[in-house]
Amino acid sequence: MPPASSPCQLRFACWNSGFDRSVTVALGLAFCSVRVR
């Protein structure tokens, strides 16, 4: 799992620690992108 570039991604990854890593990364990036906008 790549290092989080923002606190949002860190929190999302931690919250989804039980999910598949690739899914966590994909959802985390998408979720953070939407939140930033």
Protein backbone atom coordinates (compact mmCIF):
# COMPACT_ATOMS: atom_id res chain seq x y z
CA MET A 1 0.00 0.00 0.00
CA PRO A 2 1.52 3.35 -1.03
CA PRO A 3 2.11 6.00 1.65
CA ALA A 4 -0.86 8.28 2.18
CA SER A 5 -0.37 11.77 0.73
CA SER A 6 -3.03 13.32 2.98
CA PRO A 7 -4.70 12.81 6.39
CA CYS A 8 -7.91 11.95 4.55
CA GLN A 9 -6.29 8.98 2.81
CA LEU A 10 -4.70 7.89 6.09
CA ARG A 11 -8.04 7.94 7.91
CA PHE A 12 -9.80 6.19 5.03
CA ALA A 13 -7.16 3.45 4.86
CA CYS A 14 -7.36 2.94 8.62
CA TRP A 15 -11.19 2.85 8.54
CA ASN A 16 -11.13 0.28 5.73
CA SER A 17 -8.33 -1.82 7.24
CA GLY A 18 -10.55 -4.89 6.84
CA PHE A 19 -11.06 -4.43 3.08
CA ASP A 20 -8.81 -5.53 0.25
CA ARG A 21 -5.86 -3.15 -0.14
CA SER A 22 -6.50 -2.39 -3.81
CA VAL A 23 -10.13 -1.61 -3.03
CA THR A 24 -9.14 0.57 -0.08
CA VAL A 25 -6.68 2.54 -2.21
CA ALA A 26 -9.16 2.99 -5.07
CA LEU A 27 -12.03 4.06 -2.80
CA GLY A 28 -9.72 6.23 -0.71
CA LEU A 29 -8.42 8.12 -3.72
CA ALA A 30 -11.90 8.55 -5.19
CA PHE A 31 -13.40 9.61 -1.85
CA CYS A 32 -10.61 12.11 -1.18
CA SER A 33 -10.86 13.51 -4.70
CA VAL A 34 -14.59 14.12 -4.24
CA ARG A 35 -14.05 15.68 -0.81
CA VAL A 36 -11.36 18.04 -2.13
CA ARG A 37 -13.70 19.28 -4.83
